[in-house]
Amino acid sequence: MEAIIKKIKEQIAAIEKDIDKIDNKAAKARVRKATLALEKLGKEYRKASI
């Protein structure tokens, strides 16, 4: 469970780093990719917490 939480925090940090770069297409792609990974981690967390 702690490993999942650590991965979630890492994804959020990656999103925060690039979210303000509105004009940068590569940053937008990284944010989209990170949000997809965050979604998967959220599902893992939900399964583990039940």
Protein backbone atom coordinates (compact mmCIF):
# COMPACT_ATOMS: atom_id res chain seq x y z
CA MET A 1 0.00 0.00 0.00
CA GLU A 2 2.83 2.40 0.85
CA ALA A 3 4.45 1.72 -2.53
CA ILE A 4 1.24 2.69 -4.30
CA ILE A 5 1.00 5.92 -2.30
CA LYS A 6 4.62 6.74 -3.14
CA LYS A 7 3.95 6.20 -6.86
CA ILE A 8 0.83 8.39 -6.68
CA LYS A 9 2.83 11.20 -5.08
CA GLU A 10 5.51 10.88 -7.78
CA GLN A 11 2.90 11.16 -10.54
CA ILE A 12 1.34 14.21 -8.90
CA ALA A 13 4.79 15.82 -8.65
CA ALA A 14 5.38 15.14 -12.36
CA ILE A 15 2.04 16.70 -13.22
CA GLU A 16 2.70 19.76 -11.06
CA LYS A 17 6.05 20.29 -12.75
CA ASP A 18 4.55 20.50 -16.27
CA ILE A 19 0.97 21.68 -15.71
CA ASP A 20 1.82 25.39 -15.94
CA LYS A 21 3.64 25.09 -19.28
CA ILE A 22 0.58 25.92 -21.37
CA ASP A 23 2.37 26.65 -24.66
CA ASN A 24 4.66 23.62 -24.56
CA LYS A 25 3.19 20.66 -26.50
CA ALA A 26 5.67 18.19 -25.02
CA ALA A 27 4.72 19.26 -21.49
CA LYS A 28 1.05 18.80 -22.33
CA ALA A 29 1.77 15.27 -23.57
CA ARG A 30 3.68 14.46 -20.39
CA VAL A 31 0.78 15.69 -18.27
CA ARG A 32 -1.71 13.59 -20.24
CA LYS A 33 0.49 10.51 -19.88
CA ALA A 34 0.95 11.13 -16.16
CA THR A 35 -2.80 11.51 -15.60
CA LEU A 36 -3.41 8.17 -17.30
CA ALA A 37 -0.83 6.55 -15.03
CA LEU A 38 -2.43 8.28 -12.05
CA GLU A 39 -5.79 6.81 -13.02
CA LYS A 40 -4.32 3.29 -13.03
CA LEU A 41 -2.66 3.89 -9.67
CA GLY A 42 -5.97 5.12 -8.29
CA LYS A 43 -7.62 1.86 -9.30
CA GLU A 44 -4.81 -0.13 -7.68
CA TYR A 45 -5.18 1.92 -4.50
CA ARG A 46 -8.91 1.36 -4.43
CA LYS A 47 -8.44 -2.42 -4.77
CA ALA A 48 -5.79 -2.47 -2.04
CA SER A 49 -7.81 -0.36 0.37
CA ILE A 50 -10.87 -2.59 0.33
